[in-house]
C-alpha atoms as a PDB file:
ATOM      1  CA  MET A   1      92.495 -12.973  33.697  1.00  0.00           C
ATOM      2  CA  SER A   2      92.715  -9.241  32.989  1.00  0.00           C
ATOM      3  CA  LYS A   3      92.997  -5.907  35.189  1.00  0.00           C
ATOM      4  CA  PRO A   4      89.988  -4.178  35.397  1.00  0.00           C
ATOM      5  CA  ASP A   5      90.106  -0.666  33.463  1.00  0.00           C
ATOM      6  CA  GLY A   6      89.377   3.061  34.456  1.00  0.00           C
ATOM      7  CA  ILE A   7      85.818   2.464  33.631  1.00  0.00           C
ATOM      8  CA  GLU A   8      84.927  -0.893  35.353  1.00  0.00           C
ATOM      9  CA  LEU A   9      86.283   0.784  38.602  1.00  0.00           C
ATOM     10  CA  ALA A  10      84.170   3.871  38.252  1.00  0.00           C
ATOM     11  CA  LEU A  11      81.453   1.423  37.492  1.00  0.00           C
ATOM     12  CA  TYR A  12      81.969  -0.563  40.705  1.00  0.00           C
ATOM     13  CA  ALA A  13      81.609   2.991  42.346  1.00  0.00           C
ATOM     14  CA  CYS A  14      78.674   3.565  40.757  1.00  0.00           C
ATOM     15  CA  LEU A  15      77.491   0.408  41.541  1.00  0.00           C
ATOM     16  CA  ARG A  16      77.910   0.289  44.788  1.00  0.00           C
ATOM     17  CA  TYR A  17      76.156   4.025  45.390  1.00  0.00           C
ATOM     18  CA  GLU A  18      73.204   2.747  43.471  1.00  0.00           C
ATOM     19  CA  GLU A  19      73.230  -0.300  45.657  1.00  0.00           C
ATOM     20  CA  ALA A  20      72.948   1.725  48.976  1.00  0.00           C
ATOM     21  CA  VAL A  21      70.563   3.714  47.165  1.00  0.00           C
ATOM     22  CA  LEU A  22      68.291   0.612  46.659  1.00  0.00           C
ATOM     23  CA  LYS A  23      68.722  -0.928  49.930  1.00  0.00           C
ATOM     24  CA  ASN A  24      68.532   2.362  51.953  1.00  0.00           C
ATOM     25  CA  LEU A  25      65.387   4.486  50.202  1.00  0.00           C
ATOM     26  CA  PRO A  26      61.875   4.147  51.606  1.00  0.00           C
ATOM     27  CA  LYS A  27      59.943   1.313  48.997  1.00  0.00           C
ATOM     28  CA  GLU A  28      57.624   4.261  47.553  1.00  0.00           C
ATOM     29  CA  ASP A  29      60.650   6.292  46.331  1.00  0.00           C
ATOM     30  CA  VAL A  30      62.620   3.177  44.893  1.00  0.00           C
ATOM     31  CA  GLU A  31      58.988   2.377  43.038  1.00  0.00           C
ATOM     32  CA  ARG A  32      58.737   6.226  41.634  1.00  0.00           C
ATOM     33  CA  ARG A  33      62.430   6.061  40.471  1.00  0.00           C
ATOM     34  CA  TRP A  34      63.271   3.128  38.906  1.00  0.00           C
ATOM     35  CA  GLU A  35      59.513   1.916  38.858  1.00  0.00           C
ATOM     36  CA  LEU A  36      60.968  -1.484  40.435  1.00  0.00           C
ATOM     37  CA  ASP A  37      58.390  -3.668  42.503  1.00  0.00           C
ATOM     38  CA  ASP A  38      60.290  -5.573  45.032  1.00  0.00           C
ATOM     39  CA  ALA A  39      61.078  -9.063  42.448  1.00  0.00           C
ATOM     40  CA  GLU A  40      62.637  -6.698  40.324  1.00  0.00           C
ATOM     41  CA  LYS A  41      64.190  -4.524  43.010  1.00  0.00           C
ATOM     42  CA  GLU A  42      66.169  -8.502  44.083  1.00  0.00           C
ATOM     43  CA  VAL A  43      67.102  -8.994  40.818  1.00  0.00           C
ATOM     44  CA  VAL A  44      68.603  -5.963  39.862  1.00  0.00           C
ATOM     45  CA  LEU A  45      70.673  -6.438  43.650  1.00  0.00           C
ATOM     46  CA  LYS A  46      71.523  -9.550  42.864  1.00  0.00           C
ATOM     47  CA  TRP A  47      73.123  -8.520  39.447  1.00  0.00           C
ATOM     48  CA  ILE A  48      74.831  -5.599  41.388  1.00  0.00           C
ATOM     49  CA  ASN A  49      76.030  -7.557  43.259  1.00  0.00           C
ATOM     50  CA  LYS A  50      77.297 -10.089  40.468  1.00  0.00           C
ATOM     51  CA  ARG A  51      78.996  -7.517  39.010  1.00  0.00           C
ATOM     52  CA  GLN A  52      80.616  -6.175  41.614  1.00  0.00           C
ATOM     53  CA  LYS A  53      82.207  -9.391  42.687  1.00  0.00           C
ATOM     54  CA  ASP A  54      83.755  -9.840  39.133  1.00  0.00           C
ATOM     55  CA  ILE A  55      85.607  -6.504  39.537  1.00  0.00           C
ATOM     56  CA  THR A  56      86.688  -7.180  42.632  1.00  0.00           C
ATOM     57  CA  ASP A  57      87.568 -10.670  41.801  1.00  0.00           C
ATOM     58  CA  ARG A  58      90.346  -9.372  39.119  1.00  0.00           C
ATOM     59  CA  LEU A  59      91.065  -7.182  41.627  1.00  0.00           C
ATOM     60  CA  TRP A  60      91.856 -10.008  44.686  1.00  0.00           C
ATOM     61  CA  TRP A  61      93.808 -11.768  41.732  1.00  0.00           C
ATOM     62  CA  LEU A  62      96.073  -8.969  41.279  1.00  0.00           C
ATOM     63  CA  GLY A  63      96.923  -8.238  44.990  1.00  0.00           C
ATOM     64  CA  ILE A  64      94.405  -5.545  45.248  1.00  0.00           C
ATOM     65  CA  SER A  65      92.539  -5.074  48.124  1.00  0.00           C
ATOM     66  CA  THR A  66      89.059  -3.530  47.887  1.00  0.00           C
ATOM     67  CA  LYS A  67      88.242  -3.960  51.718  1.00  0.00           C
END
């Protein structure tokens, strides 16, 4: 298991931002900005969460906490 590099840590920060935007924007704004319906939005959020978990799991392995 390798340590996440700077690119992955930057990606993690971007994913956190996009997740917050997707969860907090009104439905009409999400549809206008990304052209996603509710089902597609859930798929994107699921992928974001899995990718974030992949990065944080490797940080935990190194003894670095993200909380």
